[in-house]
PDB file of all heavy atoms in Angstrom:
ATOM      1  N   ARG A   1      78.603  75.705 112.833  1.00  0.00           N
ATOM      2  CA  ARG A   1      78.897  76.159 114.186  1.00  0.00           C
ATOM      3  C   ARG A   1      80.219  76.918 114.241  1.00  0.00           C
ATOM      4  O   ARG A   1      81.053  76.819 113.336  1.00  0.00           O
ATOM      5  CB  ARG A   1      78.938  74.951 115.137  1.00  0.00           C
ATOM      6  CG  ARG A   1      77.660  74.128 115.111  1.00  0.00           C
ATOM      7  CD  ARG A   1      77.800  72.883 115.968  1.00  0.00           C
ATOM      8  NE  ARG A   1      76.598  72.055 115.905  1.00  0.00           N
ATOM      9  CZ  ARG A   1      76.459  70.880 116.517  1.00  0.00           C
ATOM     10  NH1 ARG A   1      77.470  70.397 117.239  1.00  0.00           N
ATOM     11  NH2 ARG A   1      75.334  70.206 116.417  1.00  0.00           N
ATOM     12  N   THR A   2      80.395  77.620 115.337  1.00  0.00           N
ATOM     13  CA  THR A   2      81.656  78.337 115.526  1.00  0.00           C
ATOM     14  C   THR A   2      82.823  77.356 115.627  1.00  0.00           C
ATOM     15  O   THR A   2      83.952  77.698 115.264  1.00  0.00           O
ATOM     16  CB  THR A   2      81.597  79.203 116.791  1.00  0.00           C
ATOM     17  OG1 THR A   2      81.235  78.379 117.915  1.00  0.00           O
ATOM     18  CG2 THR A   2      80.568  80.313 116.641  1.00  0.00           C
ATOM     19  N   SER A   3      82.544  76.144 116.091  1.00  0.00           N
ATOM     20  CA  SER A   3      83.609  75.137 116.185  1.00  0.00           C
ATOM     21  C   SER A   3      84.039  74.629 114.815  1.00  0.00           C
ATOM     22  O   SER A   3      85.057  73.943 114.698  1.00  0.00           O
ATOM     23  CB  SER A   3      83.139  73.961 117.044  1.00  0.00           C
ATOM     24  OG  SER A   3      81.948  73.380 116.524  1.00  0.00           O
ATOM     25  N   ASP A   4      83.257  74.951 113.775  1.00  0.00           N
ATOM     26  CA  ASP A   4      83.636  74.581 112.414  1.00  0.00           C
ATOM     27  C   ASP A   4      84.576  75.608 111.788  1.00  0.00           C
ATOM     28  O   ASP A   4      84.960  75.477 110.625  1.00  0.00           O
ATOM     29  CB  ASP A   4      82.392  74.440 111.530  1.00  0.00           C
ATOM     30  CG  ASP A   4      81.477  73.310 111.980  1.00  0.00           C
ATOM     31  OD1 ASP A   4      82.013  72.282 112.411  1.00  0.00           O
ATOM     32  OD2 ASP A   4      80.244  73.469 111.907  1.00  0.00           O
ATOM     33  N   LEU A   5      84.919  76.633 112.561  1.00  0.00           N
ATOM     34  CA  LEU A   5      85.781  77.703 112.058  1.00  0.00           C
ATOM     35  C   LEU A   5      87.077  77.757 112.858  1.00  0.00           C
ATOM     36  O   LEU A   5      87.153  77.242 113.976  1.00  0.00           O
ATOM     37  CB  LEU A   5      85.060  79.053 112.163  1.00  0.00           C
ATOM     38  CG  LEU A   5      83.731  79.176 111.406  1.00  0.00           C
ATOM     39  CD1 LEU A   5      83.044  80.479 111.785  1.00  0.00           C
ATOM     40  CD2 LEU A   5      83.937  79.094 109.907  1.00  0.00           C
ATOM     41  N   MET A   6      88.061  78.382 112.293  1.00  0.00           N
ATOM     42  CA  MET A   6      89.342  78.543 112.974  1.00  0.00           C
ATOM     43  C   MET A   6      90.009  79.796 112.434  1.00  0.00           C
ATOM     44  O   MET A   6      89.591  80.361 111.410  1.00  0.00           O
ATOM     45  CB  MET A   6      90.241  77.325 112.733  1.00  0.00           C
ATOM     46  CG  MET A   6      90.585  77.089 111.262  1.00  0.00           C
ATOM     47  SD  MET A   6      91.583  75.591 111.024  1.00  0.00           S
ATOM     48  CE  MET A   6      91.841  75.637 109.246  1.00  0.00           C
ATOM     49  N   LYS A   7      91.046  80.215 113.130  1.00  0.00           N
ATOM     50  CA  LYS A   7      91.825  81.326 112.603  1.00  0.00           C
ATOM     51  C   LYS A   7      92.492  80.895 111.298  1.00  0.00           C
ATOM     52  O   LYS A   7      92.876  79.729 111.160  1.00  0.00           O
ATOM     53  CB  LYS A   7      92.887  81.751 113.612  1.00  0.00           C
ATOM     54  CG  LYS A   7      92.325  82.361 114.891  1.00  0.00           C
ATOM     55  CD  LYS A   7      93.445  82.758 115.829  1.00  0.00           C
ATOM     56  CE  LYS A   7      92.899  83.366 117.106  1.00  0.00           C
ATOM     57  NZ  LYS A   7      93.979  83.734 118.055  1.00  0.00           N
ATOM     58  N   PRO A   8      92.659  81.790 110.362  1.00  0.00           N
ATOM     59  CA  PRO A   8      93.284  81.419 109.082  1.00  0.00           C
ATOM     60  C   PRO A   8      94.699  80.888 109.311  1.00  0.00           C
ATOM     61  O   PRO A   8      95.453  81.402 110.144  1.00  0.00           O
ATOM     62  CB  PRO A   8      93.321  82.735 108.300  1.00  0.00           C
ATOM     63  CG  PRO A   8      92.278  83.583 108.934  1.00  0.00           C
ATOM     64  CD  PRO A   8      92.242  83.206 110.370  1.00  0.00           C
ATOM     65  N   GLU A   9      95.056  79.834 108.589  1.00  0.00           N
ATOM     66  CA  GLU A   9      96.402  79.270 108.692  1.00  0.00           C
ATOM     67  C   GLU A   9      97.407  80.214 108.034  1.00  0.00           C
ATOM     68  O   GLU A   9      97.289  80.534 106.855  1.00  0.00           O
ATOM     69  CB  GLU A   9      96.458  77.893 108.032  1.00  0.00           C
ATOM     70  CG  GLU A   9      95.681  76.825 108.801  1.00  0.00           C
ATOM     71  CD  GLU A   9      95.810  75.446 108.174  1.00  0.00           C
ATOM     72  OE1 GLU A   9      96.290  75.370 107.030  1.00  0.00           O
ATOM     73  OE2 GLU A   9      95.416  74.467 108.817  1.00  0.00           O
ATOM     74  N   LEU A  10      98.374  80.649 108.856  1.00  0.00           N
ATOM     75  CA  LEU A  10      99.422  81.528 108.334  1.00  0.00           C
ATOM     76  C   LEU A  10     100.640  80.737 107.885  1.00  0.00           C
ATOM     77  O   LEU A  10     101.498  81.261 107.175  1.00  0.00           O
ATOM     78  CB  LEU A  10      99.829  82.542 109.416  1.00  0.00           C
ATOM     79  CG  LEU A  10      98.713  83.492 109.879  1.00  0.00           C
ATOM     80  CD1 LEU A  10      99.236  84.398 110.989  1.00  0.00           C
ATOM     81  CD2 LEU A  10      98.188  84.305 108.712  1.00  0.00           C
ATOM     82  N   VAL A  11     100.682  79.474 108.345  1.00  0.00           N
ATOM     83  CA  VAL A  11     101.804  78.609 107.970  1.00  0.00           C
ATOM     84  C   VAL A  11     101.236  77.303 107.442  1.00  0.00           C
ATOM     85  O   VAL A  11     100.411  76.667 108.104  1.00  0.00           O
ATOM     86  CB  VAL A  11     102.728  78.333 109.165  1.00  0.00           C
ATOM     87  CG1 VAL A  11     103.816  77.325 108.780  1.00  0.00           C
ATOM     88  CG2 VAL A  11     103.347  79.624 109.678  1.00  0.00           C
ATOM     89  N   GLU A  12     101.656  76.917 106.260  1.00  0.00           N
ATOM     90  CA  GLU A  12     101.232  75.641 105.697  1.00  0.00           C
ATOM     91  C   GLU A  12     102.263  74.562 106.005  1.00  0.00           C
ATOM     92  O   GLU A  12     103.460  74.848 106.195  1.00  0.00           O
ATOM     93  CB  GLU A  12     101.045  75.759 104.183  1.00  0.00           C
ATOM     94  CG  GLU A  12      99.936  76.699 103.765  1.00  0.00           C
ATOM     95  CD  GLU A  12      99.756  76.734 102.263  1.00  0.00           C
ATOM     96  OE1 GLU A  12     100.534  76.035 101.560  1.00  0.00           O
ATOM     97  OE2 GLU A  12      98.860  77.449 101.790  1.00  0.00           O
ATOM     98  N   ARG A  13     101.813  73.336 106.053  1.00  0.00           N
ATOM     99  CA  ARG A  13     102.717  72.206 106.299  1.00  0.00           C
ATOM    100  C   ARG A  13     103.765  72.141 105.180  1.00  0.00           C
ATOM    101  O   ARG A  13     103.451  72.298 104.006  1.00  0.00           O
ATOM    102  CB  ARG A  13     101.909  70.915 106.370  1.00  0.00           C
ATOM    103  CG  ARG A  13     102.717  69.689 106.775  1.00  0.00           C
ATOM    104  CD  ARG A  13     101.775  68.518 107.008  1.00  0.00           C
ATOM    105  NE  ARG A  13     102.498  67.328 107.419  1.00  0.00           N
ATOM    106  CZ  ARG A  13     102.992  66.412 106.586  1.00  0.00           C
ATOM    107  NH1 ARG A  13     102.796  66.555 105.283  1.00  0.00           N
ATOM    108  NH2 ARG A  13     103.645  65.368 107.045  1.00  0.00           N
ATOM    109  N   ASN A  14     105.034  71.924 105.578  1.00  0.00           N
ATOM    110  CA  ASN A  14     106.182  71.827 104.667  1.00  0.00           C
ATOM    111  C   ASN A  14     106.572  73.164 104.050  1.00  0.00           C
ATOM    112  O   ASN A  14     107.402  73.215 103.130  1.00  0.00           O
ATOM    113  CB  ASN A  14     105.938  70.803 103.550  1.00  0.00           C
ATOM    114  CG  ASN A  14     105.841  69.380 104.085  1.00  0.00           C
ATOM    115  OD1 ASN A  14     106.523  69.036 105.067  1.00  0.00           O
ATOM    116  ND2 ASN A  14     105.006  68.569 103.467  1.00  0.00           N
ATOM    117  N   ALA A  15     105.976  74.260 104.543  1.00  0.00           N
ATOM    118  CA  ALA A  15     106.340  75.580 104.009  1.00  0.00           C
ATOM    119  C   ALA A  15     107.693  76.025 104.561  1.00  0.00           C
ATOM    120  O   ALA A  15     108.083  75.669 105.679  1.00  0.00           O
ATOM    121  CB  ALA A  15     105.269  76.589 104.374  1.00  0.00           C
ATOM    122  N   ASN A  16     108.435  76.785 103.775  1.00  0.00           N
ATOM    123  CA  ASN A  16     109.668  77.402 104.249  1.00  0.00           C
ATOM    124  C   ASN A  16     109.300  78.558 105.163  1.00  0.00           C
ATOM    125  O   ASN A  16     108.481  79.415 104.807  1.00  0.00           O
ATOM    126  CB  ASN A  16     110.505  77.903 103.078  1.00  0.00           C
ATOM    127  CG  ASN A  16     111.035  76.770 102.231  1.00  0.00           C
ATOM    128  OD1 ASN A  16     111.448  75.730 102.769  1.00  0.00           O
ATOM    129  ND2 ASN A  16     111.057  76.953 100.920  1.00  0.00           N
ATOM    130  N   ILE A  17     109.917  78.588 106.333  1.00  0.00           N
ATOM    131  CA  ILE A  17     109.539  79.580 107.327  1.00  0.00           C
ATOM    132  C   ILE A  17     110.774  80.272 107.885  1.00  0.00           C
ATOM    133  O   ILE A  17     111.905  79.821 107.696  1.00  0.00           O
ATOM    134  CB  ILE A  17     108.762  78.926 108.492  1.00  0.00           C
ATOM    135  CG1 ILE A  17     109.621  77.840 109.154  1.00  0.00           C
ATOM    136  CG2 ILE A  17     107.428  78.383 108.017  1.00  0.00           C
ATOM    137  CD1 ILE A  17     109.009  77.270 110.424  1.00  0.00           C
ATOM    138  N   LEU A  18     110.495  81.376 108.589  1.00  0.00           N
ATOM    139  CA  LEU A  18     111.534  82.102 109.296  1.00  0.00           C
ATOM    140  C   LEU A  18     111.316  81.883 110.789  1.00  0.00           C
ATOM    141  O   LEU A  18     110.251  82.213 111.322  1.00  0.00           O
ATOM    142  CB  LEU A  18     111.455  83.590 108.952  1.00  0.00           C
ATOM    143  CG  LEU A  18     112.602  84.473 109.475  1.00  0.00           C
ATOM    144  CD1 LEU A  18     113.922  84.077 108.814  1.00  0.00           C
ATOM    145  CD2 LEU A  18     112.289  85.945 109.216  1.00  0.00           C
ATOM    146  N   ILE A  19     112.324  81.310 111.452  1.00  0.00           N
ATOM    147  CA  ILE A  19     112.245  81.051 112.887  1.00  0.00           C
ATOM    148  C   ILE A  19     112.950  82.184 113.614  1.00  0.00           C
ATOM    149  O   ILE A  19     114.110  82.496 113.316  1.00  0.00           O
ATOM    150  CB  ILE A  19     112.912  79.709 113.243  1.00  0.00           C
ATOM    151  CG1 ILE A  19     112.277  78.572 112.435  1.00  0.00           C
ATOM    152  CG2 ILE A  19     112.800  79.438 114.733  1.00  0.00           C
ATOM    153  CD1 ILE A  19     112.995  77.240 112.592  1.00  0.00           C
ATOM    154  N   ILE A  20     112.239  82.822 114.537  1.00  0.00           N
ATOM    155  CA  ILE A  20     112.769  83.979 115.256  1.00  0.00           C
ATOM    156  C   ILE A  20     112.981  83.596 116.718  1.00  0.00           C
ATOM    157  O   ILE A  20     112.115  83.018 117.364  1.00  0.00           O
ATOM    158  CB  ILE A  20     111.813  85.172 115.152  1.00  0.00           C
ATOM    159  CG1 ILE A  20     111.596  85.536 113.674  1.00  0.00           C
ATOM    160  CG2 ILE A  20     112.335  86.368 115.941  1.00  0.00           C
ATOM    161  CD1 ILE A  20     110.562  86.588 113.455  1.00  0.00           C
ATOM    162  N   VAL A  21     114.168  83.927 117.216  1.00  0.00           N
ATOM    163  CA  VAL A  21     114.498  83.708 118.626  1.00  0.00           C
ATOM    164  C   VAL A  21     114.763  85.069 119.253  1.00  0.00           C
ATOM    165  O   VAL A  21     115.673  85.796 118.834  1.00  0.00           O
ATOM    166  CB  VAL A  21     115.741  82.800 118.782  1.00  0.00           C
ATOM    167  CG1 VAL A  21     116.048  82.564 120.262  1.00  0.00           C
ATOM    168  CG2 VAL A  21     115.543  81.489 118.050  1.00  0.00           C
ATOM    169  N   GLU A  22     113.932  85.454 120.223  1.00  0.00           N
ATOM    170  CA  GLU A  22     114.075  86.735 120.893  1.00  0.00           C
ATOM    171  C   GLU A  22     114.854  86.536 122.196  1.00  0.00           C
ATOM    172  O   GLU A  22     114.452  85.763 123.065  1.00  0.00           O
ATOM    173  CB  GLU A  22     112.698  87.340 121.194  1.00  0.00           C
ATOM    174  CG  GLU A  22     111.885  87.690 119.961  1.00  0.00           C
ATOM    175  CD  GLU A  22     112.440  88.895 119.217  1.00  0.00           C
ATOM    176  OE1 GLU A  22     113.320  89.591 119.789  1.00  0.00           O
ATOM    177  OE2 GLU A  22     112.019  89.129 118.072  1.00  0.00           O
ATOM    178  N   LEU A  23     115.993  87.216 122.309  1.00  0.00           N
ATOM    179  CA  LEU A  23     116.818  87.184 123.518  1.00  0.00           C
ATOM    180  C   LEU A  23     116.936  88.602 124.061  1.00  0.00           C
ATOM    181  O   LEU A  23     116.738  89.573 123.326  1.00  0.00           O
ATOM    182  CB  LEU A  23     118.212  86.632 123.189  1.00  0.00           C
ATOM    183  CG  LEU A  23     118.265  85.210 122.615  1.00  0.00           C
ATOM    184  CD1 LEU A  23     119.673  84.899 122.168  1.00  0.00           C
ATOM    185  CD2 LEU A  23     117.776  84.213 123.641  1.00  0.00           C
ATOM    186  N   PRO A  24     117.241  88.735 125.315  1.00  0.00           N
ATOM    187  CA  PRO A  24     117.418  90.082 125.871  1.00  0.00           C
ATOM    188  C   PRO A  24     118.457  90.866 125.085  1.00  0.00           C
ATOM    189  O   PRO A  24     119.628  90.479 125.015  1.00  0.00           O
ATOM    190  CB  PRO A  24     117.885  89.810 127.305  1.00  0.00           C
ATOM    191  CG  PRO A  24     117.333  88.472 127.630  1.00  0.00           C
ATOM    192  CD  PRO A  24     117.411  87.701 126.354  1.00  0.00           C
ATOM    193  N   GLY A  25     118.000  91.914 124.445  1.00  0.00           N
ATOM    194  CA  GLY A  25     118.896  92.758 123.674  1.00  0.00           C
ATOM    195  C   GLY A  25     119.354  92.148 122.372  1.00  0.00           C
ATOM    196  O   GLY A  25     120.243  92.708 121.702  1.00  0.00           O
ATOM    197  N   LEU A  26     118.762  91.028 121.975  1.00  0.00           N
ATOM    198  CA  LEU A  26     119.246  90.361 120.768  1.00  0.00           C
ATOM    199  C   LEU A  26     118.101  89.580 120.120  1.00  0.00           C
ATOM    200  O   LEU A  26     117.282  88.955 120.799  1.00  0.00           O
ATOM    201  CB  LEU A  26     120.386  89.397 121.120  1.00  0.00           C
ATOM    202  CG  LEU A  26     121.008  88.611 119.953  1.00  0.00           C
ATOM    203  CD1 LEU A  26     121.682  89.566 118.963  1.00  0.00           C
ATOM    204  CD2 LEU A  26     121.992  87.590 120.500  1.00  0.00           C
ATOM    205  N   SER A  27     118.028  89.624 118.803  1.00  0.00           N
ATOM    206  CA  SER A  27     117.033  88.869 118.048  1.00  0.00           C
ATOM    207  C   SER A  27     117.747  88.041 117.004  1.00  0.00           C
ATOM    208  O   SER A  27     118.510  88.575 116.181  1.00  0.00           O
ATOM    209  CB  SER A  27     116.042  89.820 117.368  1.00  0.00           C
ATOM    210  OG  SER A  27     115.111  89.090 116.592  1.00  0.00           O
ATOM    211  N   LEU A  28     117.547  86.728 117.065  1.00  0.00           N
ATOM    212  CA  LEU A  28     118.185  85.815 116.124  1.00  0.00           C
ATOM    213  C   LEU A  28     117.141  85.258 115.166  1.00  0.00           C
ATOM    214  O   LEU A  28     115.992  85.016 115.545  1.00  0.00           O
ATOM    215  CB  LEU A  28     118.852  84.668 116.881  1.00  0.00           C
ATOM    216  CG  LEU A  28     119.904  85.057 117.926  1.00  0.00           C
ATOM    217  CD1 LEU A  28     120.395  83.809 118.642  1.00  0.00           C
ATOM    218  CD2 LEU A  28     121.057  85.798 117.266  1.00  0.00           C
ATOM    219  N   THR A  29     117.536  85.054 113.927  1.00  0.00           N
ATOM    220  CA  THR A  29     116.644  84.437 112.950  1.00  0.00           C
ATOM    221  C   THR A  29     117.362  83.281 112.276  1.00  0.00           C
ATOM    222  O   THR A  29     118.589  83.286 112.147  1.00  0.00           O
ATOM    223  CB  THR A  29     116.215  85.455 111.865  1.00  0.00           C
ATOM    224  OG1 THR A  29     117.374  85.922 111.183  1.00  0.00           O
ATOM    225  CG2 THR A  29     115.461  86.610 112.491  1.00  0.00           C
ATOM    226  N   MET A  30     116.562  82.308 111.878  1.00  0.00           N
ATOM    227  CA  MET A  30     117.114  81.156 111.168  1.00  0.00           C
ATOM    228  C   MET A  30     116.051  80.625 110.220  1.00  0.00           C
ATOM    229  O   MET A  30     114.843  80.825 110.424  1.00  0.00           O
ATOM    230  CB  MET A  30     117.565  80.077 112.154  1.00  0.00           C
ATOM    231  CG  MET A  30     116.460  79.542 113.041  1.00  0.00           C
ATOM    232  SD  MET A  30     117.067  78.480 114.378  1.00  0.00           S
ATOM    233  CE  MET A  30     117.660  79.703 115.530  1.00  0.00           C
ATOM    234  N   ARG A  31     116.512  79.947 109.197  1.00  0.00           N
ATOM    235  CA  ARG A  31     115.602  79.360 108.224  1.00  0.00           C
ATOM    236  C   ARG A  31     115.183  77.975 108.694  1.00  0.00           C
ATOM    237  O   ARG A  31     115.966  77.261 109.329  1.00  0.00           O
ATOM    238  CB  ARG A  31     116.265  79.265 106.852  1.00  0.00           C
ATOM    239  CG  ARG A  31     116.646  80.608 106.250  1.00  0.00           C
ATOM    240  CD  ARG A  31     115.408  81.392 105.881  1.00  0.00           C
ATOM    241  NE  ARG A  31     115.746  82.714 105.344  1.00  0.00           N
ATOM    242  CZ  ARG A  31     114.843  83.601 104.954  1.00  0.00           C
ATOM    243  NH1 ARG A  31     113.545  83.298 105.030  1.00  0.00           N
ATOM    244  NH2 ARG A  31     115.227  84.774 104.493  1.00  0.00           N
ATOM    245  N   GLY A  32     113.928  77.637 108.383  1.00  0.00           N
ATOM    246  CA  GLY A  32     113.457  76.330 108.781  1.00  0.00           C
ATOM    247  C   GLY A  32     112.293  75.871 107.916  1.00  0.00           C
ATOM    248  O   GLY A  32     111.923  76.514 106.924  1.00  0.00           O
ATOM    249  N   LYS A  33     111.728  74.752 108.312  1.00  0.00           N
ATOM    250  CA  LYS A  33     110.588  74.177 107.590  1.00  0.00           C
ATOM    251  C   LYS A  33     109.490  73.839 108.600  1.00  0.00           C
ATOM    252  O   LYS A  33     109.765  73.313 109.691  1.00  0.00           O
ATOM    253  CB  LYS A  33     111.005  72.917 106.835  1.00  0.00           C
ATOM    254  CG  LYS A  33     109.852  72.291 106.031  1.00  0.00           C
ATOM    255  CD  LYS A  33     110.329  71.140 105.168  1.00  0.00           C
ATOM    256  CE  LYS A  33     110.625  69.919 106.017  1.00  0.00           C
ATOM    257  NZ  LYS A  33     110.896  68.726 105.177  1.00  0.00           N
ATOM    258  N   ALA A  34     108.241  74.136 108.213  1.00  0.00           N
ATOM    259  CA  ALA A  34     107.110  73.819 109.087  1.00  0.00           C
ATOM    260  C   ALA A  34     106.727  72.356 108.887  1.00  0.00           C
ATOM    261  O   ALA A  34     106.472  71.918 107.763  1.00  0.00           O
ATOM    262  CB  ALA A  34     105.930  74.725 108.765  1.00  0.00           C
ATOM    263  N   LEU A  35     106.702  71.622 109.976  1.00  0.00           N
ATOM    264  CA  LEU A  35     106.280  70.225 109.915  1.00  0.00           C
ATOM    265  C   LEU A  35     104.777  70.077 110.134  1.00  0.00           C
ATOM    266  O   LEU A  35     104.226  68.999 109.944  1.00  0.00           O
ATOM    267  CB  LEU A  35     107.053  69.405 110.956  1.00  0.00           C
ATOM    268  CG  LEU A  35     108.582  69.460 110.821  1.00  0.00           C
ATOM    269  CD1 LEU A  35     109.230  68.603 111.899  1.00  0.00           C
ATOM    270  CD2 LEU A  35     109.011  69.015 109.437  1.00  0.00           C
ATOM    271  N   GLU A  36     104.141  71.193 110.531  1.00  0.00           N
ATOM    272  CA  GLU A  36     102.680  71.210 110.713  1.00  0.00           C
ATOM    273  C   GLU A  36     102.145  72.547 110.223  1.00  0.00           C
ATOM    274  O   GLU A  36     102.888  73.534 110.154  1.00  0.00           O
ATOM    275  CB  GLU A  36     102.315  71.046 112.195  1.00  0.00           C
ATOM    276  CG  GLU A  36     102.718  69.726 112.822  1.00  0.00           C
ATOM    277  CD  GLU A  36     102.404  69.699 114.293  1.00  0.00           C
ATOM    278  OE1 GLU A  36     103.007  70.508 115.053  1.00  0.00           O
ATOM    279  OE2 GLU A  36     101.550  68.903 114.704  1.00  0.00           O
ATOM    280  N   ALA A  37     100.871  72.577 109.905  1.00  0.00           N
ATOM    281  CA  ALA A  37     100.212  73.834 109.555  1.00  0.00           C
ATOM    282  C   ALA A  37      99.710  74.487 110.838  1.00  0.00           C
ATOM    283  O   ALA A  37      99.480  73.823 111.847  1.00  0.00           O
ATOM    284  CB  ALA A  37      99.054  73.586 108.604  1.00  0.00           C
ATOM    285  N   GLY A  38      99.541  75.808 110.808  1.00  0.00           N
ATOM    286  CA  GLY A  38      99.053  76.480 112.005  1.00  0.00           C
ATOM    287  C   GLY A  38      98.572  77.879 111.740  1.00  0.00           C
ATOM    288  O   GLY A  38      99.013  78.544 110.797  1.00  0.00           O
ATOM    289  N   ALA A  39      97.615  78.312 112.599  1.00  0.00           N
ATOM    290  CA  ALA A  39      97.114  79.681 112.555  1.00  0.00           C
ATOM    291  C   ALA A  39      97.855  80.507 113.590  1.00  0.00           C
ATOM    292  O   ALA A  39      98.654  79.984 114.381  1.00  0.00           O
ATOM    293  CB  ALA A  39      95.619  79.687 112.846  1.00  0.00           C
ATOM    294  N   GLU A  40      97.589  81.798 113.625  1.00  0.00           N
ATOM    295  CA  GLU A  40      98.254  82.673 114.583  1.00  0.00           C
ATOM    296  C   GLU A  40      97.991  82.198 116.009  1.00  0.00           C
ATOM    297  O   GLU A  40      96.856  81.937 116.402  1.00  0.00           O
ATOM    298  CB  GLU A  40      97.759  84.107 114.420  1.00  0.00           C
ATOM    299  CG  GLU A  40      98.480  85.097 115.312  1.00  0.00           C
ATOM    300  CD  GLU A  40      98.013  86.527 115.074  1.00  0.00           C
ATOM    301  OE1 GLU A  40      97.050  86.717 114.303  1.00  0.00           O
ATOM    302  OE2 GLU A  40      98.623  87.439 115.657  1.00  0.00           O
ATOM    303  N   GLY A  41      99.081  82.058 116.762  1.00  0.00           N
ATOM    304  CA  GLY A  41      98.973  81.610 118.142  1.00  0.00           C
ATOM    305  C   GLY A  41      99.084  80.118 118.331  1.00  0.00           C
ATOM    306  O   GLY A  41      99.255  79.644 119.457  1.00  0.00           O
ATOM    307  N   ASP A  42      98.988  79.343 117.246  1.00  0.00           N
ATOM    308  CA  ASP A  42      99.127  77.886 117.353  1.00  0.00           C
ATOM    309  C   ASP A  42     100.586  77.513 117.613  1.00  0.00           C
ATOM    310  O   ASP A  42     101.517  78.166 117.110  1.00  0.00           O
ATOM    311  CB  ASP A  42      98.659  77.198 116.069  1.00  0.00           C
ATOM    312  CG  ASP A  42      97.151  77.223 115.907  1.00  0.00           C
ATOM    313  OD1 ASP A  42      96.456  77.572 116.886  1.00  0.00           O
ATOM    314  OD2 ASP A  42      96.668  76.896 114.798  1.00  0.00           O
TER     315      ASP A  42
END
């Protein structure tokens, strides 16, 4: 079924990630770790 499918996971659990903070006129980035896996939009 379609419910057996999902968007591909772009982030794996415990993966090193880039955290982006968008502010008016400013974009901040920081390093972090994913505590959960997730697909686009999750």
